């Protein structure tokens, strides 16, 4: 019974890890870099918001390729309306 359980567990693991390749086989063409995506955050002049925006900028620009973070400086109402409008 232990051999059957071991064989089934091994078969399950092999079937799970079969699809874990990083790229499909036979795809040797280099990928074209995508256009950078701009993420806009608001800056109302609050110290805590400036800190959070600076941390977010470090994370986005250094951890993710193709993303740029920019800040929109205005009043709370103007920034809220801009975020709603897109």
PDB file of N, CA and C in Angstrom:
ATOM      1  N   UNK A   1       0.809  -1.186   0.000  1.00  0.00           N
ATOM      2  CA  UNK A   1       0.000   0.000   0.000  1.00  0.00           C
ATOM      3  C   UNK A   1       0.861   1.262   0.000  1.00  0.00           C
ATOM      4  N   UNK A   2       2.011   1.221   0.721  1.00  0.00           N
ATOM      5  CA  UNK A   2       2.893   2.372   0.766  1.00  0.00           C
ATOM      6  C   UNK A   2       3.492   2.657  -0.606  1.00  0.00           C
ATOM      7  N   UNK A   3       3.806   1.599  -1.359  1.00  0.00           N
ATOM      8  CA  UNK A   3       4.384   1.789  -2.691  1.00  0.00           C
ATOM      9  C   UNK A   3       3.372   2.434  -3.629  1.00  0.00           C
ATOM     10  N   UNK A   4       2.126   2.039  -3.527  1.00  0.00           N
ATOM     11  CA  UNK A   4       1.079   2.612  -4.366  1.00  0.00           C
ATOM     12  C   UNK A   4       0.865   4.087  -4.021  1.00  0.00           C
ATOM     13  N   UNK A   5       0.848   4.415  -2.741  1.00  0.00           N
ATOM     14  CA  UNK A   5       0.693   5.804  -2.309  1.00  0.00           C
ATOM     15  C   UNK A   5       1.869   6.646  -2.780  1.00  0.00           C
ATOM     16  N   UNK A   6       3.081   6.110  -2.649  1.00  0.00           N
ATOM     17  CA  UNK A   6       4.271   6.826  -3.105  1.00  0.00           C
ATOM     18  C   UNK A   6       4.227   7.040  -4.612  1.00  0.00           C
ATOM     19  N   UNK A   7       3.835   6.031  -5.365  1.00  0.00           N
ATOM     20  CA  UNK A   7       3.765   6.146  -6.824  1.00  0.00           C
ATOM     21  C   UNK A   7       2.723   7.177  -7.239  1.00  0.00           C
ATOM     22  N   UNK A   8       1.584   7.190  -6.579  1.00  0.00           N
ATOM     23  CA  UNK A   8       0.547   8.174  -6.903  1.00  0.00           C
ATOM     24  C   UNK A   8       0.991   9.591  -6.542  1.00  0.00           C
ATOM     25  N   UNK A   9       1.672   9.744  -5.407  1.00  0.00           N
ATOM     26  CA  UNK A   9       2.175  11.061  -5.010  1.00  0.00           C
ATOM     27  C   UNK A   9       3.226  11.553  -5.993  1.00  0.00           C
ATOM     28  N   UNK A  10       4.109  10.670  -6.426  1.00  0.00           N
ATOM     29  CA  UNK A  10       5.129  11.027  -7.402  1.00  0.00           C
ATOM     30  C   UNK A  10       4.500  11.406  -8.736  1.00  0.00           C
ATOM     31  N   UNK A  11       3.506  10.667  -9.163  1.00  0.00           N
ATOM     32  CA  UNK A  11       2.799  10.975 -10.405  1.00  0.00           C
ATOM     33  C   UNK A  11       2.096  12.324 -10.315  1.00  0.00           C
ATOM     34  N   UNK A  12       1.507  12.616  -9.167  1.00  0.00           N
ATOM     35  CA  UNK A  12       0.840  13.896  -8.964  1.00  0.00           C
ATOM     36  C   UNK A  12       1.840  15.042  -9.019  1.00  0.00           C
ATOM     37  N   UNK A  13       2.985  14.894  -8.357  1.00  0.00           N
ATOM     38  CA  UNK A  13       4.012  15.934  -8.387  1.00  0.00           C
ATOM     39  C   UNK A  13       4.545  16.162  -9.793  1.00  0.00           C
ATOM     40  N   UNK A  14       4.790  15.092 -10.518  1.00  0.00           N
ATOM     41  CA  UNK A  14       5.279  15.239 -11.888  1.00  0.00           C
ATOM     42  C   UNK A  14       4.262  15.947 -12.770  1.00  0.00           C
ATOM     43  N   UNK A  15       2.992  15.631 -12.607  1.00  0.00           N
ATOM     44  CA  UNK A  15       1.970  16.280 -13.430  1.00  0.00           C
ATOM     45  C   UNK A  15       1.806  17.750 -13.059  1.00  0.00           C
ATOM     46  N   UNK A  16       1.999  18.092 -11.782  1.00  0.00           N
ATOM     47  CA  UNK A  16       1.883  19.490 -11.359  1.00  0.00           C
ATOM     48  C   UNK A  16       3.046  20.312 -11.900  1.00  0.00           C
ATOM     49  N   UNK A  17       4.264  19.786 -11.815  1.00  0.00           N
ATOM     50  CA  UNK A  17       5.437  20.547 -12.221  1.00  0.00           C
ATOM     51  C   UNK A  17       5.715  20.499 -13.721  1.00  0.00           C
ATOM     52  N   UNK A  18       4.943  19.763 -14.486  1.00  0.00           N
ATOM     53  CA  UNK A  18       5.153  19.703 -15.927  1.00  0.00           C
ATOM     54  C   UNK A  18       4.896  21.052 -16.582  1.00  0.00           C
ATOM     55  N   UNK A  19       3.912  21.793 -16.117  1.00  0.00           N
ATOM     56  CA  UNK A  19       3.563  23.080 -16.721  1.00  0.00           C
ATOM     57  C   UNK A  19       4.267  24.265 -16.113  1.00  0.00           C
ATOM     58  N   UNK A  20       5.337  24.066 -15.365  1.00  0.00           N
ATOM     59  CA  UNK A  20       6.005  25.164 -14.677  1.00  0.00           C
ATOM     60  C   UNK A  20       7.212  25.710 -15.434  1.00  0.00           C
ATOM     61  N   UNK A  21       7.245  25.576 -16.728  1.00  0.00           N
ATOM     62  CA  UNK A  21       8.367  26.096 -17.509  1.00  0.00           C
ATOM     63  C   UNK A  21       8.284  27.617 -17.567  1.00  0.00           C
ATOM     64  N   UNK A  22       9.434  28.277 -17.691  1.00  0.00           N
ATOM     65  CA  UNK A  22       9.436  29.733 -17.731  1.00  0.00           C
ATOM     66  C   UNK A  22       8.996  30.274 -19.080  1.00  0.00           C
ATOM     67  N   UNK A  23       9.275  29.575 -20.141  1.00  0.00           N
ATOM     68  CA  UNK A  23       8.793  29.991 -21.455  1.00  0.00           C
ATOM     69  C   UNK A  23       8.505  28.748 -22.279  1.00  0.00           C
ATOM     70  N   UNK A  24       7.621  28.854 -23.255  1.00  0.00           N
ATOM     71  CA  UNK A  24       7.281  27.687 -24.066  1.00  0.00           C
ATOM     72  C   UNK A  24       8.479  27.190 -24.871  1.00  0.00           C
ATOM     73  N   UNK A  25       8.524  25.904 -25.091  1.00  0.00           N
ATOM     74  CA  UNK A  25       9.617  25.313 -25.863  1.00  0.00           C
ATOM     75  C   UNK A  25       9.536  25.774 -27.311  1.00  0.00           C
ATOM     76  N   UNK A  26      10.681  26.023 -27.920  1.00  0.00           N
ATOM     77  CA  UNK A  26      10.740  26.399 -29.324  1.00  0.00           C
ATOM     78  C   UNK A  26      10.517  27.877 -29.578  1.00  0.00           C
ATOM     79  N   UNK A  27      10.328  28.672 -28.545  1.00  0.00           N
ATOM     80  CA  UNK A  27      10.109  30.103 -28.720  1.00  0.00           C
ATOM     81  C   UNK A  27      11.419  30.827 -28.447  1.00  0.00           C
ATOM     82  N   UNK A  28      12.292  30.883 -29.454  1.00  0.00           N
ATOM     83  CA  UNK A  28      13.608  31.488 -29.287  1.00  0.00           C
ATOM     84  C   UNK A  28      13.662  32.933 -29.753  1.00  0.00           C
ATOM     85  N   UNK A  29      12.534  33.496 -30.191  1.00  0.00           N
ATOM     86  CA  UNK A  29      12.521  34.872 -30.659  1.00  0.00           C
ATOM     87  C   UNK A  29      12.584  35.818 -29.461  1.00  0.00           C
ATOM     88  N   UNK A  30      13.425  36.861 -29.553  1.00  0.00           N
ATOM     89  CA  UNK A  30      13.484  37.811 -28.435  1.00  0.00           C
ATOM     90  C   UNK A  30      12.202  38.638 -28.368  1.00  0.00           C
ATOM     91  N   UNK A  31      11.782  38.929 -27.153  1.00  0.00           N
ATOM     92  CA  UNK A  31      10.579  39.725 -26.966  1.00  0.00           C
ATOM     93  C   UNK A  31      10.900  41.206 -27.135  1.00  0.00           C
ATOM     94  N   UNK A  32       9.958  41.936 -27.742  1.00  0.00           N
ATOM     95  CA  UNK A  32      10.131  43.372 -27.886  1.00  0.00           C
ATOM     96  C   UNK A  32       9.753  44.043 -26.569  1.00  0.00           C
ATOM     97  N   UNK A  33      10.541  45.032 -26.148  1.00  0.00           N
ATOM     98  CA  UNK A  33      10.188  45.709 -24.897  1.00  0.00           C
ATOM     99  C   UNK A  33       8.897  46.506 -25.066  1.00  0.00           C
ATOM    100  N   UNK A  34       8.052  46.434 -24.072  1.00  0.00           N
ATOM    101  CA  UNK A  34       6.781  47.152 -24.118  1.00  0.00           C
ATOM    102  C   UNK A  34       7.004  48.619 -23.777  1.00  0.00           C
ATOM    103  N   UNK A  35       6.089  49.452 -24.224  1.00  0.00           N
ATOM    104  CA  UNK A  35       6.161  50.873 -23.904  1.00  0.00           C
ATOM    105  C   UNK A  35       5.963  51.045 -22.396  1.00  0.00           C
ATOM    106  N   UNK A  36       6.676  51.990 -21.786  1.00  0.00           N
ATOM    107  CA  UNK A  36       6.537  52.158 -20.336  1.00  0.00           C
ATOM    108  C   UNK A  36       5.122  52.598 -19.950  1.00  0.00           C
ATOM    109  N   UNK A  37       4.644  52.063 -18.856  1.00  0.00           N
ATOM    110  CA  UNK A  37       3.327  52.400 -18.324  1.00  0.00           C
ATOM    111  C   UNK A  37       3.518  53.438 -17.225  1.00  0.00           C
ATOM    112  N   UNK A  38       2.779  54.536 -17.313  1.00  0.00           N
ATOM    113  CA  UNK A  38       2.893  55.595 -16.320  1.00  0.00           C
ATOM    114  C   UNK A  38       1.791  55.448 -15.278  1.00  0.00           C
ATOM    115  N   UNK A  39       2.185  55.402 -14.029  1.00  0.00           N
ATOM    116  CA  UNK A  39       1.254  55.365 -12.907  1.00  0.00           C
ATOM    117  C   UNK A  39       1.275  56.745 -12.267  1.00  0.00           C
ATOM    118  N   UNK A  40       0.108  57.368 -12.159  1.00  0.00           N
ATOM    119  CA  UNK A  40       0.013  58.714 -11.600  1.00  0.00           C
ATOM    120  C   UNK A  40      -0.545  58.630 -10.185  1.00  0.00           C
ATOM    121  N   UNK A  41       0.182  59.228  -9.241  1.00  0.00           N
ATOM    122  CA  UNK A  41      -0.278  59.298  -7.854  1.00  0.00           C
ATOM    123  C   UNK A  41      -0.497  60.760  -7.493  1.00  0.00           C
ATOM    124  N   UNK A  42      -1.336  60.998  -6.495  1.00  0.00           N
ATOM    125  CA  UNK A  42      -1.636  62.369  -6.100  1.00  0.00           C
ATOM    126  C   UNK A  42      -0.678  62.842  -5.021  1.00  0.00           C
ATOM    127  N   UNK A  43      -0.440  64.153  -5.007  1.00  0.00           N
ATOM    128  CA  UNK A  43       0.386  64.777  -3.980  1.00  0.00           C
ATOM    129  C   UNK A  43      -0.350  66.018  -3.501  1.00  0.00           C
ATOM    130  N   UNK A  44      -0.948  65.921  -2.325  1.00  0.00           N
ATOM    131  CA  UNK A  44      -1.693  67.044  -1.759  1.00  0.00           C
ATOM    132  C   UNK A  44      -0.843  67.880  -0.816  1.00  0.00           C
ATOM    133  N   UNK A  45       0.423  67.543  -0.667  1.00  0.00           N
ATOM    134  CA  UNK A  45       1.307  68.296   0.198  1.00  0.00           C
ATOM    135  C   UNK A  45       1.406  67.743   1.607  1.00  0.00           C
ATOM    136  N   UNK A  46       0.755  66.639   1.895  1.00  0.00           N
ATOM    137  CA  UNK A  46       0.827  66.040   3.222  1.00  0.00           C
ATOM    138  C   UNK A  46       2.154  65.301   3.364  1.00  0.00           C
ATOM    139  N   UNK A  47       2.763  65.406   4.533  1.00  0.00           N
ATOM    140  CA  UNK A  47       4.049  64.745   4.758  1.00  0.00           C
ATOM    141  C   UNK A  47       3.939  63.230   4.620  1.00  0.00           C
ATOM    142  N   UNK A  48       2.884  62.651   5.181  1.00  0.00           N
ATOM    143  CA  UNK A  48       2.731  61.196   5.108  1.00  0.00           C
ATOM    144  C   UNK A  48       2.516  60.742   3.666  1.00  0.00           C
ATOM    145  N   UNK A  49       1.784  61.540   2.903  1.00  0.00           N
ATOM    146  CA  UNK A  49       1.536  61.170   1.504  1.00  0.00           C
ATOM    147  C   UNK A  49       2.821  61.274   0.683  1.00  0.00           C
ATOM    148  N   UNK A  50       3.647  62.265   0.973  1.00  0.00           N
ATOM    149  CA  UNK A  50       4.929  62.389   0.271  1.00  0.00           C
ATOM    150  C   UNK A  50       5.819  61.180   0.569  1.00  0.00           C
ATOM    151  N   UNK A  51       5.808  60.719   1.819  1.00  0.00           N
ATOM    152  CA  UNK A  51       6.594  59.539   2.189  1.00  0.00           C
ATOM    153  C   UNK A  51       6.093  58.304   1.452  1.00  0.00           C
ATOM    154  N   UNK A  52       4.778  58.098   1.445  1.00  0.00           N
ATOM    155  CA  UNK A  52       4.215  56.936   0.768  1.00  0.00           C
ATOM    156  C   UNK A  52       4.474  56.990  -0.736  1.00  0.00           C
ATOM    157  N   UNK A  53       4.388  58.175  -1.333  1.00  0.00           N
ATOM    158  CA  UNK A  53       4.670  58.307  -2.763  1.00  0.00           C
ATOM    159  C   UNK A  53       6.137  58.004  -3.068  1.00  0.00           C
ATOM    160  N   UNK A  54       7.046  58.445  -2.196  1.00  0.00           N
ATOM    161  CA  UNK A  54       8.469  58.173  -2.414  1.00  0.00           C
ATOM    162  C   UNK A  54       8.761  56.677  -2.307  1.00  0.00           C
ATOM    163  N   UNK A  55       8.140  56.019  -1.340  1.00  0.00           N
ATOM    164  CA  UNK A  55       8.328  54.571  -1.199  1.00  0.00           C
ATOM    165  C   UNK A  55       7.750  53.845  -2.402  1.00  0.00           C
ATOM    166  N   UNK A  56       6.556  54.253  -2.833  1.00  0.00           N
ATOM    167  CA  UNK A  56       5.928  53.625  -3.998  1.00  0.00           C
ATOM    168  C   UNK A  56       6.774  53.827  -5.248  1.00  0.00           C
ATOM    169  N   UNK A  57       7.363  55.015  -5.403  1.00  0.00           N
ATOM    170  CA  UNK A  57       8.209  55.286  -6.570  1.00  0.00           C
ATOM    171  C   UNK A  57       9.433  54.371  -6.575  1.00  0.00           C
ATOM    172  N   UNK A  58      10.070  54.199  -5.421  1.00  0.00           N
ATOM    173  CA  UNK A  58      11.223  53.298  -5.339  1.00  0.00           C
ATOM    174  C   UNK A  58      10.833  51.872  -5.704  1.00  0.00           C
ATOM    175  N   UNK A  59       9.732  51.407  -5.162  1.00  0.00           N
ATOM    176  CA  UNK A  59       9.303  50.030  -5.415  1.00  0.00           C
ATOM    177  C   UNK A  59       8.939  49.837  -6.877  1.00  0.00           C
ATOM    178  N   UNK A  60       8.132  50.743  -7.423  1.00  0.00           N
ATOM    179  CA  UNK A  60       7.646  50.584  -8.799  1.00  0.00           C
ATOM    180  C   UNK A  60       8.783  50.677  -9.806  1.00  0.00           C
ATOM    181  N   UNK A  61       9.654  51.666  -9.670  1.00  0.00           N
ATOM    182  CA  UNK A  61      10.681  51.886 -10.685  1.00  0.00           C
ATOM    183  C   UNK A  61      11.859  50.927 -10.575  1.00  0.00           C
ATOM    184  N   UNK A  62      12.095  50.353  -9.406  1.00  0.00           N
ATOM    185  CA  UNK A  62      13.240  49.453  -9.264  1.00  0.00           C
ATOM    186  C   UNK A  62      12.856  47.979  -9.231  1.00  0.00           C
ATOM    187  N   UNK A  63      11.624  47.670  -8.906  1.00  0.00           N
ATOM    188  CA  UNK A  63      11.220  46.268  -8.811  1.00  0.00           C
ATOM    189  C   UNK A  63      10.471  45.789 -10.045  1.00  0.00           C
ATOM    190  N   UNK A  64       9.858  46.694 -10.783  1.00  0.00           N
ATOM    191  CA  UNK A  64       9.056  46.311 -11.941  1.00  0.00           C
ATOM    192  C   UNK A  64       9.600  46.992 -13.186  1.00  0.00           C
ATOM    193  N   UNK A  65       9.786  46.216 -14.252  1.00  0.00           N
ATOM    194  CA  UNK A  65      10.267  46.777 -15.507  1.00  0.00           C
ATOM    195  C   UNK A  65       9.103  47.374 -16.282  1.00  0.00           C
ATOM    196  N   UNK A  66       9.338  48.532 -16.890  1.00  0.00           N
ATOM    197  CA  UNK A  66       8.343  49.123 -17.764  1.00  0.00           C
ATOM    198  C   UNK A  66       7.304  49.979 -17.073  1.00  0.00           C
ATOM    199  N   UNK A  67       7.523  50.348 -15.827  1.00  0.00           N
ATOM    200  CA  UNK A  67       6.579  51.204 -15.113  1.00  0.00           C
ATOM    201  C   UNK A  67       7.288  52.465 -14.640  1.00  0.00           C
ATOM    202  N   UNK A  68       6.615  53.595 -14.776  1.00  0.00           N
ATOM    203  CA  UNK A  68       7.132  54.878 -14.324  1.00  0.00           C
ATOM    204  C   UNK A  68       6.071  55.498 -13.424  1.00  0.00           C
ATOM    205  N   UNK A  69       6.476  56.073 -12.302  1.00  0.00           N
ATOM    206  CA  UNK A  69       5.534  56.684 -11.378  1.00  0.00           C
ATOM    207  C   UNK A  69       5.695  58.192 -11.437  1.00  0.00           C
ATOM    208  N   UNK A  70       4.606  58.915 -11.653  1.00  0.00           N
ATOM    209  CA  UNK A  70       4.651  60.374 -11.646  1.00  0.00           C
ATOM    210  C   UNK A  70       3.625  60.894 -10.650  1.00  0.00           C
ATOM    211  N   UNK A  71       3.859  62.122 -10.171  1.00  0.00           N
ATOM    212  CA  UNK A  71       2.988  62.708  -9.165  1.00  0.00           C
ATOM    213  C   UNK A  71       2.173  63.847  -9.751  1.00  0.00           C
ATOM    214  N   UNK A  72       0.929  63.952  -9.317  1.00  0.00           N
ATOM    215  CA  UNK A  72       0.040  65.038  -9.700  1.00  0.00           C
ATOM    216  C   UNK A  72      -0.150  65.919  -8.475  1.00  0.00           C
ATOM    217  N   UNK A  73       0.373  67.147  -8.528  1.00  0.00           N
ATOM    218  CA  UNK A  73       0.286  68.057  -7.397  1.00  0.00           C
ATOM    219  C   UNK A  73      -0.904  68.985  -7.590  1.00  0.00           C
ATOM    220  N   UNK A  74      -1.857  68.923  -6.669  1.00  0.00           N
ATOM    221  CA  UNK A  74      -3.045  69.775  -6.711  1.00  0.00           C
ATOM    222  C   UNK A  74      -3.769  69.641  -5.380  1.00  0.00           C
ATOM    223  N   UNK A  75      -4.932  70.280  -5.292  1.00  0.00           N
ATOM    224  CA  UNK A  75      -5.725  70.166  -4.067  1.00  0.00           C
ATOM    225  C   UNK A  75      -6.394  68.799  -4.015  1.00  0.00           C
ATOM    226  N   UNK A  76      -6.925  68.455  -2.859  1.00  0.00           N
ATOM    227  CA  UNK A  76      -7.574  67.153  -2.693  1.00  0.00           C
ATOM    228  C   UNK A  76      -8.746  66.986  -3.645  1.00  0.00           C
ATOM    229  N   UNK A  77      -9.555  68.028  -3.794  1.00  0.00           N
ATOM    230  CA  UNK A  77     -10.730  67.952  -4.662  1.00  0.00           C
ATOM    231  C   UNK A  77     -10.326  67.770  -6.116  1.00  0.00           C
ATOM    232  N   UNK A  78      -9.324  68.523  -6.562  1.00  0.00           N
ATOM    233  CA  UNK A  78      -8.879  68.412  -7.957  1.00  0.00           C
ATOM    234  C   UNK A  78      -8.288  67.032  -8.226  1.00  0.00           C
ATOM    235  N   UNK A  79      -7.496  66.521  -7.308  1.00  0.00           N
ATOM    236  CA  UNK A  79      -6.912  65.190  -7.493  1.00  0.00           C
ATOM    237  C   UNK A  79      -7.985  64.116  -7.495  1.00  0.00           C
ATOM    238  N   UNK A  80      -8.979  64.243  -6.639  1.00  0.00           N
ATOM    239  CA  UNK A  80     -10.062  63.263  -6.589  1.00  0.00           C
ATOM    240  C   UNK A  80     -10.823  63.251  -7.911  1.00  0.00           C
ATOM    241  N   UNK A  81     -11.139  64.421  -8.446  1.00  0.00           N
ATOM    242  CA  UNK A  81     -11.849  64.504  -9.723  1.00  0.00           C
ATOM    243  C   UNK A  81     -10.996  63.944 -10.864  1.00  0.00           C
ATOM    244  N   UNK A  82      -9.693  64.173 -10.820  1.00  0.00           N
ATOM    245  CA  UNK A  82      -8.797  63.639 -11.855  1.00  0.00           C
ATOM    246  C   UNK A  82      -8.744  62.122 -11.806  1.00  0.00           C
ATOM    247  N   UNK A  83      -8.706  61.556 -10.607  1.00  0.00           N
ATOM    248  CA  UNK A  83      -8.685  60.102 -10.478  1.00  0.00           C
ATOM    249  C   UNK A  83      -9.987  59.483 -10.979  1.00  0.00           C
ATOM    250  N   UNK A  84     -11.113  60.140 -10.708  1.00  0.00           N
ATOM    251  CA  UNK A  84     -12.398  59.627 -11.182  1.00  0.00           C
ATOM    252  C   UNK A  84     -12.458  59.672 -12.704  1.00  0.00           C
ATOM    253  N   UNK A  85     -11.949  60.760 -13.294  1.00  0.00           N
ATOM    254  CA  UNK A  85     -11.999  60.927 -14.751  1.00  0.00           C
ATOM    255  C   UNK A  85     -11.018  60.005 -15.469  1.00  0.00           C
ATOM    256  N   UNK A  86     -10.021  59.532 -14.772  1.00  0.00           N
ATOM    257  CA  UNK A  86      -9.058  58.625 -15.389  1.00  0.00           C
ATOM    258  C   UNK A  86      -7.835  59.353 -15.774  1.00  0.00           C
TER     259      UNK A  86
END
